[in-house]
Amino acid sequence: MQQLTFPTRPLVLAIAGCSGSGKTTLARELTTQLDATLFPLDLYYRDLSHFPLDDRNQQNFDHPDSLESELILEHVRALADGQPIQRPVYDFSTHSRVPGQTDTLTPTSVVIVEGILALHYLELLPLYHFSIYVNAPNEICLNRRIYRDMRERGRTEASVRAQFEATAKPMADLYVLPSQAHASVTVEGTDSLDWSVEQVLQRLHQLRLIPHRA
């Protein structure tokens, strides 16, 4: 009699850390190494199109309420069950979602949830098999944030610095740094990318969450 086989549920990893810590770079590299599906929380900012543009720029994008956590939970649960989702498309230049557009995201054998608050929302924690916190000094985080936001999001250096002091750092102190307590492992964002990746892969092998490399 032929034995029935069922697809296994995806391995769900979380990567958190302050903005500019290096967590996105690590997440992208692990996505390549593990042939994973990347799930960035940044795409789940609430739609602010009903506000005037000047008002949108004044919003606190580092507070947990700025993300649609209800939809994040729904989508991570679906991916953890091996189900595809319709992910929103977010326009960072206008702080709004692109109306009528979504991206279909189908989970592979590994799903990586990445974002500054990936370890903050307690409802998400039971869905993770393993979690990583990327630690880095404030000055490093600020410089990286300036580079990214000027290049990718059309911001000025002055506006990035002002936002960092007004919201990013205070919110990190309140919500991001304490979430490190939920991490399976902490890596340093000032270390080489190769070493950070190696630390994570070694731990995953030790826990038998992924097979040993040949």
Protein backbone atom coordinates (compact mmCIF):
# COMPACT_ATOMS: atom_id res chain seq x y z
CA MET A 1 0.00 0.00 0.00
CA GLN A 2 1.42 3.35 -1.02
CA GLN A 3 2.24 5.63 1.90
CA LEU A 4 0.64 9.05 1.74
CA THR A 5 2.91 12.04 2.17
CA PHE A 6 1.85 15.50 3.20
CA PRO A 7 3.65 18.79 2.65
CA THR A 8 5.47 20.00 5.72
CA ARG A 9 4.68 23.41 7.15
CA PRO A 10 7.24 26.13 6.45
CA LEU A 11 9.97 26.96 8.94
CA VAL A 12 9.20 30.49 10.14
CA LEU A 13 12.11 32.72 11.21
CA ALA A 14 11.94 36.26 12.58
CA ILE A 15 14.59 38.96 12.33
CA ALA A 16 14.28 42.15 14.40
CA GLY A 17 16.48 45.05 15.44
CA CYS A 18 16.55 48.83 15.31
CA SER A 19 16.21 50.64 12.02
CA GLY A 20 19.68 50.69 10.44
CA SER A 21 21.01 47.79 12.52
CA GLY A 22 21.61 45.61 9.47
CA LYS A 23 18.63 43.31 9.93
CA THR A 24 17.33 43.79 6.37
CA THR A 25 20.74 42.98 4.87
CA LEU A 26 20.94 39.86 7.03
CA ALA A 27 17.37 38.88 6.12
CA ARG A 28 18.07 39.22 2.40
CA GLU A 29 21.23 37.13 2.63
CA LEU A 30 19.49 34.41 4.64
CA THR A 31 16.65 34.49 2.11
CA THR A 32 19.20 33.64 -0.59
CA GLN A 33 21.04 31.04 1.50
CA LEU A 34 17.86 29.24 2.58
CA ASP A 35 15.82 29.81 -0.60
CA ALA A 36 13.30 31.49 1.68
CA THR A 37 10.26 33.69 1.28
CA LEU A 38 10.90 37.18 2.69
CA PHE A 39 8.09 38.93 4.55
CA PRO A 40 9.07 42.57 5.36
CA LEU A 41 6.84 44.28 7.90
CA ASP A 42 7.61 47.66 6.27
CA LEU A 43 5.03 46.89 3.57
CA TYR A 44 2.29 46.84 6.21
CA TYR A 45 2.29 50.49 7.25
CA ARG A 46 -1.26 51.73 7.54
CA ASP A 47 -2.59 53.62 4.53
CA LEU A 48 -2.44 57.37 5.19
CA SER A 49 -3.88 58.54 1.86
CA HIS A 50 -6.86 60.13 3.67
CA PHE A 51 -4.48 62.64 5.31
CA PRO A 52 -2.93 65.66 3.54
CA LEU A 53 0.66 64.86 2.50
CA ASP A 54 2.16 67.31 5.03
CA ASP A 55 0.23 65.59 7.81
CA ARG A 56 1.40 62.17 6.66
CA ASN A 57 5.02 63.24 7.02
CA GLN A 58 4.40 64.09 10.66
CA GLN A 59 3.14 60.62 11.61
CA ASN A 60 5.12 58.42 14.02
CA PHE A 61 6.21 55.54 11.77
CA ASP A 62 8.21 53.88 14.55
CA HIS A 63 5.29 53.23 16.88
CA PRO A 64 3.70 49.75 16.83
CA ASP A 65 0.32 51.28 15.92
CA SER A 66 1.75 52.56 12.62
CA LEU A 67 1.70 48.99 11.26
CA GLU A 68 -1.47 47.06 10.50
CA SER A 69 -0.61 44.35 12.99
CA GLU A 70 -3.96 42.60 12.50
CA LEU A 71 -3.22 41.99 8.82
CA ILE A 72 0.39 41.05 9.60
CA LEU A 73 -0.82 38.35 11.99
CA GLU A 74 -3.38 37.07 9.49
CA HIS A 75 -0.79 36.85 6.72
CA VAL A 76 1.99 35.28 8.81
CA ARG A 77 -0.50 32.66 10.03
CA ALA A 78 -1.45 31.89 6.44
CA LEU A 79 2.17 31.60 5.32
CA ALA A 80 2.95 29.40 8.34
CA ASP A 81 0.16 27.11 7.15
CA GLY A 82 1.69 27.01 3.67
CA GLN A 83 -1.00 29.24 2.14
CA PRO A 84 -0.34 32.10 -0.32
CA ILE A 85 -1.31 35.66 0.55
CA GLN A 86 -2.10 38.89 -1.27
CA ARG A 87 0.46 41.31 0.14
CA PRO A 88 -0.20 45.09 -0.02
CA VAL A 89 1.96 47.34 -2.18
CA TYR A 90 3.21 50.36 -0.23
CA ASP A 91 4.50 53.66 -1.64
CA PHE A 92 7.01 55.10 0.86
CA SER A 93 7.20 58.44 -0.97
CA THR A 94 3.51 59.16 -0.32
CA HIS A 95 3.03 57.02 2.85
CA SER A 96 0.12 55.23 1.22
CA ARG A 97 -0.79 51.88 -0.28
CA VAL A 98 -1.10 51.61 -4.03
CA PRO A 99 -4.87 51.29 -4.49
CA GLY A 100 -6.12 48.09 -6.10
CA GLN A 101 -2.68 46.48 -6.20
CA THR A 102 -1.32 43.50 -4.28
CA ASP A 103 1.53 41.04 -4.73
CA THR A 104 0.91 37.32 -4.49
CA LEU A 105 3.35 35.76 -2.04
CA THR A 106 3.60 31.97 -1.93
CA PRO A 107 5.62 30.48 0.94
CA THR A 108 8.63 28.27 0.29
CA SER A 109 9.99 25.84 2.89
CA VAL A 110 11.34 28.80 4.90
CA VAL A 111 9.58 32.11 5.64
CA ILE A 112 11.55 35.04 7.08
CA VAL A 113 9.57 37.76 8.89
CA GLU A 114 11.70 40.91 9.04
CA GLY A 115 11.13 44.28 10.68
CA ILE A 116 11.98 46.48 13.64
CA LEU A 117 8.90 45.18 15.49
CA ALA A 118 9.00 41.56 14.35
CA LEU A 119 9.57 40.45 17.97
CA HIS A 120 7.30 43.04 19.59
CA TYR A 121 3.83 41.73 18.76
CA LEU A 122 3.22 38.93 21.24
CA GLU A 123 0.63 37.25 19.00
CA LEU A 124 3.33 36.58 16.39
CA LEU A 125 5.83 34.92 18.73
CA PRO A 126 4.17 31.47 18.83
CA LEU A 127 4.36 31.32 15.01
CA TYR A 128 8.16 31.57 14.97
CA HIS A 129 10.40 28.52 15.12
CA PHE A 130 13.52 30.66 15.58
CA SER A 131 14.21 34.37 16.00
CA ILE A 132 17.19 36.67 15.55
CA TYR A 133 17.88 40.11 17.01
CA VAL A 134 20.45 42.32 15.28
CA ASN A 135 22.17 44.70 17.68
CA ALA A 136 23.99 47.91 16.65
CA PRO A 137 24.97 51.28 18.21
CA ASN A 138 22.71 54.30 17.67
CA GLU A 139 25.24 56.23 15.57
CA ILE A 140 25.66 53.31 13.17
CA CYS A 141 21.88 52.92 12.89
CA LEU A 142 21.40 56.64 12.20
CA ASN A 143 24.08 56.78 9.48
CA ARG A 144 22.65 53.73 7.73
CA ARG A 145 19.13 55.12 7.98
CA ILE A 146 20.23 58.42 6.43
CA TYR A 147 21.86 56.59 3.52
CA ARG A 148 18.84 54.36 2.93
CA ASP A 149 16.12 57.00 3.23
CA MET A 150 17.91 59.51 1.03
CA ARG A 151 18.60 56.91 -1.66
CA GLU A 152 15.40 54.85 -1.56
CA ARG A 153 12.70 57.05 -0.06
CA GLY A 154 13.45 60.54 -1.33
CA ARG A 155 14.20 62.01 2.11
CA THR A 156 16.66 64.75 3.08
CA GLU A 157 19.40 64.18 5.64
CA ALA A 158 17.93 66.84 7.92
CA SER A 159 14.48 65.21 7.89
CA VAL A 160 15.94 61.78 8.64
CA ARG A 161 17.98 63.14 11.56
CA ALA A 162 14.95 64.99 12.94
CA GLN A 163 12.75 61.91 12.69
CA PHE A 164 15.42 59.76 14.33
CA GLU A 165 15.62 62.02 17.38
CA ALA A 166 11.87 62.67 17.59
CA THR A 167 10.50 59.16 17.11
CA ALA A 168 12.93 56.47 15.91
CA LYS A 169 15.23 56.43 18.93
CA PRO A 170 12.53 56.95 21.59
CA MET A 171 10.33 54.23 20.05
CA ALA A 172 13.31 51.89 19.76
CA ASP A 173 14.04 52.38 23.45
CA LEU A 174 10.39 51.64 24.31
CA TYR A 175 9.53 48.82 21.94
CA VAL A 176 12.43 47.46 19.88
CA LEU A 177 15.23 47.02 22.42
CA PRO A 178 12.99 45.20 24.95
CA SER A 179 11.94 42.74 22.22
CA GLN A 180 15.50 41.38 22.17
CA ALA A 181 14.44 39.26 25.14
CA HIS A 182 12.32 37.16 22.75
CA ALA A 183 15.21 36.35 20.39
CA SER A 184 16.68 32.87 20.05
CA VAL A 185 20.04 34.44 19.21
CA THR A 186 21.55 37.94 19.03
CA VAL A 187 24.09 38.91 16.38
CA GLU A 188 26.03 42.16 16.10
CA GLY A 189 25.16 44.41 13.19
CA THR A 190 28.74 45.69 13.19
CA ASP A 191 30.15 42.21 12.50
CA SER A 192 30.74 41.01 8.96
CA LEU A 193 27.66 39.75 7.15
CA ASP A 194 29.31 36.39 6.52
CA TRP A 195 29.95 35.88 10.23
CA SER A 196 26.39 36.82 11.20
CA VAL A 197 25.00 34.42 8.60
CA GLU A 198 27.33 31.68 9.81
CA GLN A 199 26.21 32.14 13.43
CA VAL A 200 22.56 31.84 12.46
CA LEU A 201 23.06 28.82 10.20
CA GLN A 202 25.15 27.04 12.82
CA ARG A 203 22.41 27.52 15.40
CA LEU A 204 19.72 26.33 13.00
CA HIS A 205 21.78 23.21 12.28
CA GLN A 206 22.36 22.57 15.97
CA LEU A 207 18.60 22.74 16.59
CA ARG A 208 18.01 20.51 13.56
CA LEU A 209 15.71 23.08 12.04
CA ILE A 210 17.56 22.86 8.72
CA PRO A 211 19.68 20.01 7.33
CA HIS A 212 23.45 20.12 7.57
CA ARG A 213 25.25 21.40 4.54
CA ALA A 214 27.28 18.95 2.48
